[in-house]
PDB file of N, CA and C in Angstrom:
ATOM      1  N   MET A   1     -30.485  45.177  23.628  1.00  0.00           N
ATOM      2  CA  MET A   1     -29.379  45.662  24.436  1.00  0.00           C
ATOM      3  C   MET A   1     -28.577  46.688  23.630  1.00  0.00           C
ATOM      4  N   PRO A   2     -28.444  47.908  24.102  1.00  0.00           N
ATOM      5  CA  PRO A   2     -27.697  48.926  23.355  1.00  0.00           C
ATOM      6  C   PRO A   2     -26.198  48.619  23.347  1.00  0.00           C
ATOM      7  N   PHE A   3     -25.557  49.079  22.291  1.00  0.00           N
ATOM      8  CA  PHE A   3     -24.114  48.887  22.144  1.00  0.00           C
ATOM      9  C   PHE A   3     -23.386  49.683  23.212  1.00  0.00           C
ATOM     10  N   SER A   4     -22.461  49.067  23.891  1.00  0.00           N
ATOM     11  CA  SER A   4     -21.724  49.717  24.965  1.00  0.00           C
ATOM     12  C   SER A   4     -20.449  50.365  24.427  1.00  0.00           C
ATOM     13  N   LEU A   5     -20.176  51.565  24.873  1.00  0.00           N
ATOM     14  CA  LEU A   5     -18.928  52.215  24.494  1.00  0.00           C
ATOM     15  C   LEU A   5     -17.723  51.461  25.045  1.00  0.00           C
ATOM     16  N   ASP A   6     -17.902  50.750  26.150  1.00  0.00           N
ATOM     17  CA  ASP A   6     -16.809  49.928  26.672  1.00  0.00           C
ATOM     18  C   ASP A   6     -16.421  48.849  25.670  1.00  0.00           C
ATOM     19  N   VAL A   7     -17.410  48.254  25.021  1.00  0.00           N
ATOM     20  CA  VAL A   7     -17.126  47.238  24.008  1.00  0.00           C
ATOM     21  C   VAL A   7     -16.328  47.859  22.870  1.00  0.00           C
ATOM     22  N   LEU A   8     -16.704  49.049  22.456  1.00  0.00           N
ATOM     23  CA  LEU A   8     -15.968  49.764  21.415  1.00  0.00           C
ATOM     24  C   LEU A   8     -14.518  49.978  21.840  1.00  0.00           C
ATOM     25  N   GLY A   9     -14.317  50.356  23.088  1.00  0.00           N
ATOM     26  CA  GLY A   9     -12.955  50.559  23.601  1.00  0.00           C
ATOM     27  C   GLY A   9     -12.144  49.281  23.581  1.00  0.00           C
ATOM     28  N   TYR A  10     -12.746  48.169  23.971  1.00  0.00           N
ATOM     29  CA  TYR A  10     -12.035  46.889  23.959  1.00  0.00           C
ATOM     30  C   TYR A  10     -11.715  46.431  22.539  1.00  0.00           C
ATOM     31  N   ILE A  11     -12.634  46.662  21.616  1.00  0.00           N
ATOM     32  CA  ILE A  11     -12.378  46.316  20.216  1.00  0.00           C
ATOM     33  C   ILE A  11     -11.223  47.157  19.679  1.00  0.00           C
ATOM     34  N   ALA A  12     -11.223  48.451  19.970  1.00  0.00           N
ATOM     35  CA  ALA A  12     -10.148  49.338  19.525  1.00  0.00           C
ATOM     36  C   ALA A  12      -8.813  48.906  20.130  1.00  0.00           C
ATOM     37  N   ALA A  13      -8.798  48.599  21.418  1.00  0.00           N
ATOM     38  CA  ALA A  13      -7.566  48.160  22.084  1.00  0.00           C
ATOM     39  C   ALA A  13      -7.067  46.860  21.469  1.00  0.00           C
ATOM     40  N   PHE A  14      -7.970  45.936  21.204  1.00  0.00           N
ATOM     41  CA  PHE A  14      -7.601  44.658  20.600  1.00  0.00           C
ATOM     42  C   PHE A  14      -6.984  44.874  19.219  1.00  0.00           C
ATOM     43  N   CYS A  15      -7.620  45.710  18.392  1.00  0.00           N
ATOM     44  CA  CYS A  15      -7.129  45.952  17.036  1.00  0.00           C
ATOM     45  C   CYS A  15      -5.758  46.612  17.023  1.00  0.00           C
ATOM     46  N   THR A  16      -5.576  47.648  17.821  1.00  0.00           N
ATOM     47  CA  THR A  16      -4.292  48.354  17.797  1.00  0.00           C
ATOM     48  C   THR A  16      -3.171  47.498  18.381  1.00  0.00           C
ATOM     49  N   THR A  17      -3.466  46.747  19.406  1.00  0.00           N
ATOM     50  CA  THR A  17      -2.448  45.872  19.986  1.00  0.00           C
ATOM     51  C   THR A  17      -2.121  44.738  19.025  1.00  0.00           C
ATOM     52  N   LEU A  18      -3.142  44.135  18.443  1.00  0.00           N
ATOM     53  CA  LEU A  18      -2.930  43.041  17.497  1.00  0.00           C
ATOM     54  C   LEU A  18      -2.146  43.515  16.274  1.00  0.00           C
ATOM     55  N   SER A  19      -2.395  44.727  15.810  1.00  0.00           N
ATOM     56  CA  SER A  19      -1.683  45.240  14.633  1.00  0.00           C
ATOM     57  C   SER A  19      -0.197  45.411  14.909  1.00  0.00           C
ATOM     58  N   PHE A  20       0.158  45.610  16.147  1.00  0.00           N
ATOM     59  CA  PHE A  20       1.555  45.820  16.530  1.00  0.00           C
ATOM     60  C   PHE A  20       2.292  44.497  16.724  1.00  0.00           C
ATOM     61  N   LEU A  21       1.565  43.421  16.940  1.00  0.00           N
ATOM     62  CA  LEU A  21       2.152  42.122  17.253  1.00  0.00           C
ATOM     63  C   LEU A  21       3.101  41.582  16.182  1.00  0.00           C
ATOM     64  N   PRO A  22       2.779  41.630  14.879  1.00  0.00           N
ATOM     65  CA  PRO A  22       3.720  41.096  13.880  1.00  0.00           C
ATOM     66  C   PRO A  22       5.099  41.762  13.924  1.00  0.00           C
ATOM     67  N   GLN A  23       5.135  43.087  14.104  1.00  0.00           N
ATOM     68  CA  GLN A  23       6.425  43.780  14.187  1.00  0.00           C
ATOM     69  C   GLN A  23       7.197  43.321  15.419  1.00  0.00           C
ATOM     70  N   ALA A  24       6.505  43.180  16.524  1.00  0.00           N
ATOM     71  CA  ALA A  24       7.161  42.738  17.755  1.00  0.00           C
ATOM     72  C   ALA A  24       7.716  41.326  17.599  1.00  0.00           C
ATOM     73  N   ILE A  25       6.925  40.426  17.050  1.00  0.00           N
ATOM     74  CA  ILE A  25       7.381  39.042  16.865  1.00  0.00           C
ATOM     75  C   ILE A  25       8.584  38.994  15.934  1.00  0.00           C
ATOM     76  N   LEU A  26       8.521  39.711  14.820  1.00  0.00           N
ATOM     77  CA  LEU A  26       9.630  39.736  13.868  1.00  0.00           C
ATOM     78  C   LEU A  26      10.901  40.272  14.513  1.00  0.00           C
ATOM     79  N   THR A  27      10.786  41.346  15.240  1.00  0.00           N
ATOM     80  CA  THR A  27      11.957  41.949  15.882  1.00  0.00           C
ATOM     81  C   THR A  27      12.545  41.027  16.949  1.00  0.00           C
ATOM     82  N   ILE A  28      11.692  40.401  17.729  1.00  0.00           N
ATOM     83  CA  ILE A  28      12.167  39.496  18.775  1.00  0.00           C
ATOM     84  C   ILE A  28      12.847  38.284  18.146  1.00  0.00           C
ATOM     85  N   ARG A  29      12.282  37.753  17.076  1.00  0.00           N
ATOM     86  CA  ARG A  29      12.868  36.580  16.418  1.00  0.00           C
ATOM     87  C   ARG A  29      14.203  36.896  15.746  1.00  0.00           C
ATOM     88  N   THR A  30      14.246  38.000  14.991  1.00  0.00           N
ATOM     89  CA  THR A  30      15.437  38.305  14.182  1.00  0.00           C
ATOM     90  C   THR A  30      16.432  39.204  14.901  1.00  0.00           C
ATOM     91  N   LYS A  31      15.961  39.941  15.893  1.00  0.00           N
ATOM     92  CA  LYS A  31      16.766  40.942  16.598  1.00  0.00           C
ATOM     93  C   LYS A  31      17.315  42.010  15.637  1.00  0.00           C
ATOM     94  N   ASP A  32      16.705  42.115  14.463  1.00  0.00           N
ATOM     95  CA  ASP A  32      17.122  43.097  13.460  1.00  0.00           C
ATOM     96  C   ASP A  32      16.290  44.364  13.613  1.00  0.00           C
ATOM     97  N   THR A  33      16.958  45.453  13.954  1.00  0.00           N
ATOM     98  CA  THR A  33      16.263  46.727  14.151  1.00  0.00           C
ATOM     99  C   THR A  33      16.809  47.834  13.252  1.00  0.00           C
ATOM    100  N   LYS A  34      17.639  47.468  12.287  1.00  0.00           N
ATOM    101  CA  LYS A  34      18.282  48.484  11.441  1.00  0.00           C
ATOM    102  C   LYS A  34      17.281  49.403  10.745  1.00  0.00           C
ATOM    103  N   SER A  35      16.156  48.859  10.304  1.00  0.00           N
ATOM    104  CA  SER A  35      15.183  49.672   9.569  1.00  0.00           C
ATOM    105  C   SER A  35      14.203  50.404  10.481  1.00  0.00           C
ATOM    106  N   LEU A  36      14.356  50.260  11.794  1.00  0.00           N
ATOM    107  CA  LEU A  36      13.435  50.904  12.728  1.00  0.00           C
ATOM    108  C   LEU A  36      14.013  52.226  13.218  1.00  0.00           C
ATOM    109  N   SER A  37      13.171  53.204  13.332  1.00  0.00           N
ATOM    110  CA  SER A  37      13.577  54.538  13.773  1.00  0.00           C
ATOM    111  C   SER A  37      13.603  54.612  15.300  1.00  0.00           C
ATOM    112  N   LEU A  38      14.757  54.990  15.849  1.00  0.00           N
ATOM    113  CA  LEU A  38      14.880  55.165  17.295  1.00  0.00           C
ATOM    114  C   LEU A  38      13.947  56.277  17.775  1.00  0.00           C
ATOM    115  N   GLY A  39      13.881  57.368  17.031  1.00  0.00           N
ATOM    116  CA  GLY A  39      13.009  58.476  17.405  1.00  0.00           C
ATOM    117  C   GLY A  39      11.543  58.074  17.429  1.00  0.00           C
ATOM    118  N   MET A  40      11.115  57.337  16.405  1.00  0.00           N
ATOM    119  CA  MET A  40       9.723  56.911  16.333  1.00  0.00           C
ATOM    120  C   MET A  40       9.384  55.981  17.483  1.00  0.00           C
ATOM    121  N   TYR A  41      10.229  54.990  17.737  1.00  0.00           N
ATOM    122  CA  TYR A  41       9.925  54.038  18.812  1.00  0.00           C
ATOM    123  C   TYR A  41      10.027  54.681  20.184  1.00  0.00           C
ATOM    124  N   SER A  42      10.913  55.648  20.339  1.00  0.00           N
ATOM    125  CA  SER A  42      10.999  56.365  21.615  1.00  0.00           C
ATOM    126  C   SER A  42       9.716  57.159  21.874  1.00  0.00           C
ATOM    127  N   LEU A  43       9.277  57.908  20.862  1.00  0.00           N
ATOM    128  CA  LEU A  43       8.037  58.681  21.004  1.00  0.00           C
ATOM    129  C   LEU A  43       6.819  57.777  21.160  1.00  0.00           C
ATOM    130  N   PHE A  44       6.773  56.704  20.381  1.00  0.00           N
ATOM    131  CA  PHE A  44       5.648  55.778  20.450  1.00  0.00           C
ATOM    132  C   PHE A  44       5.557  55.150  21.835  1.00  0.00           C
ATOM    133  N   THR A  45       6.676  54.682  22.360  1.00  0.00           N
ATOM    134  CA  THR A  45       6.690  54.047  23.681  1.00  0.00           C
ATOM    135  C   THR A  45       6.310  55.055  24.763  1.00  0.00           C
ATOM    136  N   THR A  46       6.791  56.273  24.641  1.00  0.00           N
ATOM    137  CA  THR A  46       6.414  57.326  25.587  1.00  0.00           C
ATOM    138  C   THR A  46       4.910  57.588  25.518  1.00  0.00           C
ATOM    139  N   GLY A  47       4.385  57.685  24.313  1.00  0.00           N
ATOM    140  CA  GLY A  47       2.953  57.909  24.146  1.00  0.00           C
ATOM    141  C   GLY A  47       2.128  56.775  24.738  1.00  0.00           C
ATOM    142  N   ILE A  48       2.561  55.562  24.544  1.00  0.00           N
ATOM    143  CA  ILE A  48       1.835  54.406  25.073  1.00  0.00           C
ATOM    144  C   ILE A  48       1.831  54.426  26.602  1.00  0.00           C
ATOM    145  N   ILE A  49       2.971  54.735  27.215  1.00  0.00           N
ATOM    146  CA  ILE A  49       3.008  54.766  28.686  1.00  0.00           C
ATOM    147  C   ILE A  49       2.122  55.900  29.213  1.00  0.00           C
ATOM    148  N   LEU A  50       2.076  57.012  28.486  1.00  0.00           N
ATOM    149  CA  LEU A  50       1.198  58.109  28.904  1.00  0.00           C
ATOM    150  C   LEU A  50      -0.273  57.721  28.770  1.00  0.00           C
ATOM    151  N   TRP A  51      -0.638  57.009  27.688  1.00  0.00           N
ATOM    152  CA  TRP A  51      -2.003  56.505  27.552  1.00  0.00           C
ATOM    153  C   TRP A  51      -2.337  55.527  28.671  1.00  0.00           C
ATOM    154  N   LEU A  52      -1.366  54.704  29.035  1.00  0.00           N
ATOM    155  CA  LEU A  52      -1.575  53.750  30.134  1.00  0.00           C
ATOM    156  C   LEU A  52      -1.836  54.486  31.447  1.00  0.00           C
ATOM    157  N   ILE A  53      -1.031  55.488  31.728  1.00  0.00           N
ATOM    158  CA  ILE A  53      -1.228  56.286  32.946  1.00  0.00           C
ATOM    159  C   ILE A  53      -2.588  56.966  32.916  1.00  0.00           C
ATOM    160  N   TYR A  54      -2.955  57.510  31.766  1.00  0.00           N
ATOM    161  CA  TYR A  54      -4.262  58.150  31.602  1.00  0.00           C
ATOM    162  C   TYR A  54      -5.386  57.143  31.856  1.00  0.00           C
ATOM    163  N   GLY A  55      -5.253  55.947  31.294  1.00  0.00           N
ATOM    164  CA  GLY A  55      -6.257  54.913  31.498  1.00  0.00           C
ATOM    165  C   GLY A  55      -6.391  54.512  32.956  1.00  0.00           C
ATOM    166  N   ILE A  56      -5.264  54.434  33.647  1.00  0.00           N
ATOM    167  CA  ILE A  56      -5.288  54.120  35.082  1.00  0.00           C
ATOM    168  C   ILE A  56      -6.002  55.231  35.841  1.00  0.00           C
ATOM    169  N   TYR A  57      -5.663  56.462  35.518  1.00  0.00           N
ATOM    170  CA  TYR A  57      -6.281  57.612  36.168  1.00  0.00           C
ATOM    171  C   TYR A  57      -7.796  57.634  35.951  1.00  0.00           C
ATOM    172  N   LYS A  58      -8.226  57.286  34.730  1.00  0.00           N
ATOM    173  CA  LYS A  58      -9.647  57.316  34.373  1.00  0.00           C
ATOM    174  C   LYS A  58     -10.365  56.009  34.740  1.00  0.00           C
ATOM    175  N   HIS A  59      -9.620  55.027  35.216  1.00  0.00           N
ATOM    176  CA  HIS A  59     -10.187  53.703  35.519  1.00  0.00           C
ATOM    177  C   HIS A  59     -10.833  53.089  34.280  1.00  0.00           C
ATOM    178  N   ASP A  60     -10.166  53.271  33.136  1.00  0.00           N
ATOM    179  CA  ASP A  60     -10.669  52.754  31.858  1.00  0.00           C
ATOM    180  C   ASP A  60      -9.882  51.485  31.530  1.00  0.00           C
ATOM    181  N   TYR A  61     -10.518  50.342  31.764  1.00  0.00           N
ATOM    182  CA  TYR A  61      -9.818  49.068  31.630  1.00  0.00           C
ATOM    183  C   TYR A  61      -9.433  48.739  30.197  1.00  0.00           C
ATOM    184  N   ALA A  62     -10.173  49.217  29.223  1.00  0.00           N
ATOM    185  CA  ALA A  62      -9.786  49.012  27.823  1.00  0.00           C
ATOM    186  C   ALA A  62      -8.461  49.719  27.544  1.00  0.00           C
ATOM    187  N   LEU A  63      -8.330  50.945  28.007  1.00  0.00           N
ATOM    188  CA  LEU A  63      -7.063  51.674  27.839  1.00  0.00           C
ATOM    189  C   LEU A  63      -5.941  51.014  28.626  1.00  0.00           C
ATOM    190  N   ILE A  64      -6.240  50.570  29.811  1.00  0.00           N
ATOM    191  CA  ILE A  64      -5.206  49.954  30.653  1.00  0.00           C
ATOM    192  C   ILE A  64      -4.691  48.668  30.014  1.00  0.00           C
ATOM    193  N   VAL A  65      -5.586  47.772  29.663  1.00  0.00           N
ATOM    194  CA  VAL A  65      -5.176  46.473  29.117  1.00  0.00           C
ATOM    195  C   VAL A  65      -4.464  46.640  27.778  1.00  0.00           C
ATOM    196  N   GLY A  66      -5.079  47.368  26.859  1.00  0.00           N
ATOM    197  CA  GLY A  66      -4.489  47.551  25.529  1.00  0.00           C
ATOM    198  C   GLY A  66      -3.123  48.208  25.581  1.00  0.00           C
ATOM    199  N   ASN A  67      -3.014  49.256  26.369  1.00  0.00           N
ATOM    200  CA  ASN A  67      -1.746  49.980  26.419  1.00  0.00           C
ATOM    201  C   ASN A  67      -0.697  49.268  27.257  1.00  0.00           C
ATOM    202  N   ALA A  68      -1.085  48.482  28.234  1.00  0.00           N
ATOM    203  CA  ALA A  68      -0.103  47.711  29.006  1.00  0.00           C
ATOM    204  C   ALA A  68       0.564  46.668  28.113  1.00  0.00           C
ATOM    205  N   VAL A  69      -0.238  45.959  27.333  1.00  0.00           N
ATOM    206  CA  VAL A  69       0.319  44.948  26.426  1.00  0.00           C
ATOM    207  C   VAL A  69       1.170  45.611  25.351  1.00  0.00           C
ATOM    208  N   THR A  70       0.646  46.666  24.740  1.00  0.00           N
ATOM    209  CA  THR A  70       1.394  47.363  23.691  1.00  0.00           C
ATOM    210  C   THR A  70       2.682  47.969  24.246  1.00  0.00           C
ATOM    211  N   PHE A  71       2.637  48.498  25.464  1.00  0.00           N
ATOM    212  CA  PHE A  71       3.850  49.044  26.082  1.00  0.00           C
ATOM    213  C   PHE A  71       4.917  47.964  26.237  1.00  0.00           C
ATOM    214  N   LEU A  72       4.531  46.791  26.690  1.00  0.00           N
ATOM    215  CA  LEU A  72       5.510  45.711  26.845  1.00  0.00           C
ATOM    216  C   LEU A  72       6.150  45.355  25.504  1.00  0.00           C
ATOM    217  N   LEU A  73       5.349  45.286  24.460  1.00  0.00           N
ATOM    218  CA  LEU A  73       5.875  44.980  23.130  1.00  0.00           C
ATOM    219  C   LEU A  73       6.766  46.109  22.613  1.00  0.00           C
ATOM    220  N   ALA A  74       6.289  47.342  22.731  1.00  0.00           N
ATOM    221  CA  ALA A  74       7.057  48.495  22.232  1.00  0.00           C
ATOM    222  C   ALA A  74       8.351  48.672  23.014  1.00  0.00           C
ATOM    223  N   ALA A  75       8.294  48.496  24.315  1.00  0.00           N
ATOM    224  CA  ALA A  75       9.505  48.634  25.134  1.00  0.00           C
ATOM    225  C   ALA A  75      10.513  47.545  24.801  1.00  0.00           C
ATOM    226  N   THR A  76      10.025  46.352  24.484  1.00  0.00           N
ATOM    227  CA  THR A  76      10.924  45.270  24.069  1.00  0.00           C
ATOM    228  C   THR A  76      11.634  45.633  22.777  1.00  0.00           C
ATOM    229  N   ILE A  77      10.877  46.110  21.795  1.00  0.00           N
ATOM    230  CA  ILE A  77      11.473  46.511  20.519  1.00  0.00           C
ATOM    231  C   ILE A  77      12.445  47.669  20.728  1.00  0.00           C
ATOM    232  N   LEU A  78      12.061  48.645  21.531  1.00  0.00           N
ATOM    233  CA  LEU A  78      12.931  49.790  21.805  1.00  0.00           C
ATOM    234  C   LEU A  78      14.230  49.335  22.467  1.00  0.00           C
ATOM    235  N   SER A  79      14.142  48.386  23.377  1.00  0.00           N
ATOM    236  CA  SER A  79      15.356  47.897  24.036  1.00  0.00           C
ATOM    237  C   SER A  79      16.262  47.171  23.045  1.00  0.00           C
ATOM    238  N   PHE A  80      15.681  46.409  22.116  1.00  0.00           N
ATOM    239  CA  PHE A  80      16.476  45.765  21.066  1.00  0.00           C
ATOM    240  C   PHE A  80      17.161  46.826  20.201  1.00  0.00           C
ATOM    241  N   LYS A  81      16.434  47.888  19.872  1.00  0.00           N
ATOM    242  CA  LYS A  81      16.993  48.956  19.037  1.00  0.00           C
ATOM    243  C   LYS A  81      18.164  49.631  19.743  1.00  0.00           C
ATOM    244  N   ILE A  82      17.996  49.964  20.998  1.00  0.00           N
ATOM    245  CA  ILE A  82      19.066  50.626  21.752  1.00  0.00           C
ATOM    246  C   ILE A  82      20.267  49.695  21.889  1.00  0.00           C
ATOM    247  N   LYS A  83      20.015  48.443  22.209  1.00  0.00           N
ATOM    248  CA  LYS A  83      21.099  47.465  22.338  1.00  0.00           C
ATOM    249  C   LYS A  83      21.874  47.342  21.026  1.00  0.00           C
ATOM    250  N   SER A  84      21.159  47.328  19.902  1.00  0.00           N
ATOM    251  CA  SER A  84      21.792  47.245  18.587  1.00  0.00           C
ATOM    252  C   SER A  84      22.649  48.471  18.295  1.00  0.00           C
ATOM    253  N   LEU A  85      22.141  49.654  18.626  1.00  0.00           N
ATOM    254  CA  LEU A  85      22.908  50.888  18.406  1.00  0.00           C
ATOM    255  C   LEU A  85      24.174  50.910  19.259  1.00  0.00           C
ATOM    256  N   VAL A  86      24.066  50.477  20.502  1.00  0.00           N
ATOM    257  CA  VAL A  86      25.236  50.430  21.385  1.00  0.00           C
ATOM    258  C   VAL A  86      26.262  49.437  20.847  1.00  0.00           C
ATOM    259  N   ALA A  87      25.806  48.259  20.405  1.00  0.00           N
ATOM    260  CA  ALA A  87      26.716  47.258  19.851  1.00  0.00           C
ATOM    261  C   ALA A  87      27.416  47.785  18.606  1.00  0.00           C
ATOM    262  N   ASP A  88      26.680  48.510  17.753  1.00  0.00           N
ATOM    263  CA  ASP A  88      27.283  49.099  16.551  1.00  0.00           C
ATOM    264  C   ASP A  88      28.351  50.123  16.914  1.00  0.00           C
ATOM    265  N   LYS A  89      28.093  50.946  17.931  1.00  0.00           N
ATOM    266  CA  LYS A  89      29.080  51.946  18.369  1.00  0.00           C
ATOM    267  C   LYS A  89      30.346  51.262  18.886  1.00  0.00           C
ATOM    268  N   ILE A  90      30.173  50.199  19.638  1.00  0.00           N
ATOM    269  CA  ILE A  90      31.327  49.463  20.176  1.00  0.00           C
ATOM    270  C   ILE A  90      32.139  48.867  19.033  1.00  0.00           C
ATOM    271  N   LYS A  91      31.477  48.296  18.026  1.00  0.00           N
ATOM    272  CA  LYS A  91      32.177  47.738  16.860  1.00  0.00           C
ATOM    273  C   LYS A  91      32.953  48.825  16.128  1.00  0.00           C
ATOM    274  N   GLN A  92      32.330  50.002  15.958  1.00  0.00           N
ATOM    275  CA  GLN A  92      32.984  51.105  15.268  1.00  0.00           C
ATOM    276  C   GLN A  92      34.247  51.538  16.009  1.00  0.00           C
ATOM    277  N   ARG A  93      34.177  51.606  17.328  1.00  0.00           N
ATOM    278  CA  ARG A  93      35.345  52.008  18.112  1.00  0.00           C
ATOM    279  C   ARG A  93      36.457  50.982  18.035  1.00  0.00           C
ATOM    280  N   LYS A  94      36.099  49.703  18.021  1.00  0.00           N
ATOM    281  CA  LYS A  94      37.102  48.651  17.918  1.00  0.00           C
ATOM    282  C   LYS A  94      37.784  48.662  16.557  1.00  0.00           C
ATOM    283  N   ASN A  95      37.024  49.013  15.516  1.00  0.00           N
ATOM    284  CA  ASN A  95      37.559  49.033  14.156  1.00  0.00           C
ATOM    285  C   ASN A  95      38.316  50.319  13.835  1.00  0.00           C
ATOM    286  N   SER A  96      38.259  51.298  14.721  1.00  0.00           N
ATOM    287  CA  SER A  96      38.939  52.580  14.459  1.00  0.00           C
ATOM    288  C   SER A  96      40.385  52.538  14.853  1.00  0.00           C
TER     289      SER A  96
END
């Protein structure tokens, strides 16, 4: 049986999504985002949603599944980062 490119796609999706999981778990547990770049996570999340749309358009289930899961994780981290920045701004205004 020849190796399927679909299998390669699923392996790639599994690896990239799994590699992102420790950061997501740590951020969700600690809610600490001080060392995370807002610009990087904004661009990364945008890129992931675009890959997801591309996968949907191409009917590529490896792209759809991998990027849907990664998008949920990245969007969660991004929301924690934004919430933290807003809270810091509010604290600064109260202390001024």
